[in-house]
Amino acid sequence: MKISTRGRYALRLMMDIALAEGDVPVRIKDIAGRQDISEKYLEQIVSVLNKAGLVRSSRGPQGGYRLTRAPKDYTAGEIVSSIEGNLVPVACLETEENECPRHRSCATLRLWEKLAEAIQSVMESVTLADLIGWQKEMEKKKK
């Protein structure tokens, strides 16, 4: 399984909004400049995040995007899966009931289930606040 650029950029976009000073909406143009990502690409991503209720938009000259909750209340898994869909490593784990005709006799299925659990565990244990903290640590080390 590979997280696409859309999933990775969604995390960066959310971090950028969260790092904004105060309760001022953040413009896509500003995020694009700071993150070196195309505005059009970010607009596609933020549209999905907005529909998922992770950000809210405001219009007008002072418009932009804000988080709908505190950074500690978002998980990396929630953000990435809103863009990517489920984060399972193989197709046979995509549905609640495994529809693979070999699932009863497939020894590798246990491996894929363990991997899916590990991915889910990590993605749900890391919050947007954690990512922001890690970013600030890295910035301190640069100085």
Protein backbone atom coordinates (compact mmCIF):
# COMPACT_ATOMS: atom_id res chain seq x y z
CA MET A 1 0.00 0.00 0.00
CA LYS A 2 1.23 3.43 -0.89
CA ILE A 3 -0.21 6.74 0.28
CA SER A 4 -0.73 8.98 -2.76
CA THR A 5 0.43 12.57 -3.05
CA ARG A 6 -3.18 13.61 -2.38
CA GLY A 7 -3.08 11.87 1.01
CA ARG A 8 0.32 13.32 1.90
CA TYR A 9 -0.67 16.80 0.77
CA ALA A 10 -3.90 16.59 2.76
CA LEU A 11 -1.85 16.15 5.93
CA ARG A 12 0.41 19.06 4.98
CA LEU A 13 -2.60 21.26 4.21
CA MET A 14 -4.24 20.45 7.53
CA MET A 15 -0.99 21.13 9.39
CA ASP A 16 -0.58 24.45 7.60
CA ILE A 17 -4.08 25.55 8.57
CA ALA A 18 -3.53 24.41 12.16
CA LEU A 19 -0.25 26.33 12.40
CA ALA A 20 -1.89 29.59 11.30
CA GLU A 21 -1.86 32.25 13.97
CA GLY A 22 -5.21 32.97 15.62
CA ASP A 23 -8.62 32.21 14.22
CA VAL A 24 -8.00 33.75 10.80
CA PRO A 25 -9.04 31.78 7.72
CA VAL A 26 -6.08 30.50 5.69
CA ARG A 27 -6.12 31.08 1.94
CA ILE A 28 -5.25 28.26 -0.44
CA LYS A 29 -2.93 30.64 -2.28
CA ASP A 30 -0.89 31.13 0.92
CA ILE A 31 -0.78 27.40 1.69
CA ALA A 32 0.29 26.66 -1.89
CA GLY A 33 3.16 29.14 -1.56
CA ARG A 34 4.38 27.80 1.78
CA GLN A 35 4.01 24.14 0.83
CA ASP A 36 5.16 24.50 -2.80
CA ILE A 37 2.04 22.71 -4.06
CA SER A 38 -0.19 23.76 -6.96
CA GLU A 39 -3.22 25.83 -5.93
CA LYS A 40 -5.47 23.81 -8.24
CA TYR A 41 -4.30 20.55 -6.67
CA LEU A 42 -4.87 21.92 -3.16
CA GLU A 43 -8.34 23.14 -4.16
CA GLN A 44 -9.27 19.56 -5.15
CA ILE A 45 -7.97 18.23 -1.85
CA VAL A 46 -9.56 20.91 0.34
CA SER A 47 -12.89 20.32 -1.40
CA VAL A 48 -12.85 16.70 -0.22
CA LEU A 49 -11.77 17.74 3.29
CA ASN A 50 -14.57 20.33 3.38
CA LYS A 51 -17.19 17.75 2.31
CA ALA A 52 -15.85 15.40 5.00
CA GLY A 53 -16.37 18.14 7.59
CA LEU A 54 -12.68 18.41 8.49
CA VAL A 55 -12.40 22.06 7.40
CA ARG A 56 -14.88 24.82 6.79
CA SER A 57 -14.64 27.59 4.26
CA SER A 58 -15.50 31.25 4.43
CA ARG A 59 -15.92 33.46 1.39
CA GLY A 60 -14.89 36.99 0.62
CA PRO A 61 -11.67 38.98 0.69
CA GLN A 62 -10.85 37.68 4.17
CA GLY A 63 -12.00 34.17 3.29
CA GLY A 64 -10.16 30.92 3.45
CA TYR A 65 -10.23 27.68 5.42
CA ARG A 66 -10.29 26.82 9.10
CA LEU A 67 -10.27 23.59 11.03
CA THR A 68 -13.62 22.51 12.42
CA ARG A 69 -12.03 21.08 15.59
CA ALA A 70 -8.91 21.37 17.68
CA PRO A 71 -5.79 19.70 16.18
CA LYS A 72 -5.77 17.12 19.00
CA ASP A 73 -9.20 15.93 17.82
CA TYR A 74 -8.04 14.86 14.34
CA THR A 75 -6.12 11.67 13.64
CA ALA A 76 -3.77 11.14 10.73
CA GLY A 77 -5.92 8.16 9.79
CA GLU A 78 -9.08 10.25 9.61
CA ILE A 79 -7.42 12.85 7.39
CA VAL A 80 -5.69 10.42 5.03
CA SER A 81 -8.65 8.05 4.74
CA SER A 82 -10.96 10.96 3.88
CA ILE A 83 -8.80 11.38 0.77
CA GLU A 84 -7.61 7.82 0.09
CA GLY A 85 -10.53 5.74 1.27
CA ASN A 86 -9.62 2.77 3.45
CA LEU A 87 -5.96 2.11 4.17
CA VAL A 88 -5.87 -1.68 3.83
CA PRO A 89 -2.88 -3.25 2.07
CA VAL A 90 -4.81 -5.71 -0.13
CA ALA A 91 -8.11 -5.63 -2.00
CA CYS A 92 -9.60 -8.63 -0.18
CA LEU A 93 -9.74 -6.61 3.06
CA GLU A 94 -11.62 -3.67 1.55
CA THR A 95 -15.09 -4.96 2.45
CA GLU A 96 -16.48 -5.91 5.85
CA GLU A 97 -16.95 -9.49 4.73
CA ASN A 98 -14.00 -10.94 2.84
CA GLU A 99 -15.34 -11.87 -0.60
CA CYS A 100 -12.16 -13.57 -1.84
CA PRO A 101 -12.96 -17.17 -2.79
CA ARG A 102 -9.66 -18.26 -1.18
CA HIS A 103 -10.07 -16.45 2.16
CA ARG A 104 -10.71 -19.67 4.11
CA SER A 105 -7.54 -21.32 2.83
CA CYS A 106 -5.18 -18.37 2.35
CA ALA A 107 -2.34 -18.35 4.87
CA THR A 108 -1.16 -14.94 3.69
CA LEU A 109 -4.48 -13.40 4.70
CA ARG A 110 -3.33 -13.43 8.34
CA LEU A 111 -0.25 -11.42 7.35
CA TRP A 112 -2.37 -8.84 5.51
CA GLU A 113 -4.78 -8.58 8.45
CA LYS A 114 -1.88 -8.00 10.87
CA LEU A 115 -0.43 -5.37 8.55
CA ALA A 116 -3.82 -3.65 8.23
CA GLU A 117 -4.17 -3.61 12.04
CA ALA A 118 -0.68 -2.13 12.43
CA ILE A 119 -1.35 0.59 9.86
CA GLN A 120 -4.69 1.41 11.47
CA SER A 121 -3.14 1.49 14.94
CA VAL A 122 -0.40 3.94 13.94
CA MET A 123 -2.63 6.15 11.82
CA GLU A 124 -5.27 6.42 14.56
CA SER A 125 -2.74 7.02 17.36
CA VAL A 126 -1.09 10.05 15.73
CA THR A 127 -3.04 13.29 15.93
CA LEU A 128 -2.73 16.49 13.97
CA ALA A 129 -1.42 18.05 17.21
CA ASP A 130 1.33 15.38 17.30
CA LEU A 131 2.33 16.21 13.72
CA ILE A 132 2.45 19.91 14.56
CA GLY A 133 4.62 19.17 17.59
CA TRP A 134 7.00 17.12 15.46
CA GLN A 135 7.15 19.93 12.90
CA LYS A 136 8.02 22.48 15.58
CA GLU A 137 10.73 20.16 16.97
CA MET A 138 12.27 19.89 13.50
CA GLU A 139 12.20 23.66 13.06
CA LYS A 140 13.98 24.14 16.41
CA LYS A 141 16.71 21.71 15.35
CA LYS A 142 17.29 23.69 12.15
CA LYS A 143 18.14 26.84 14.12
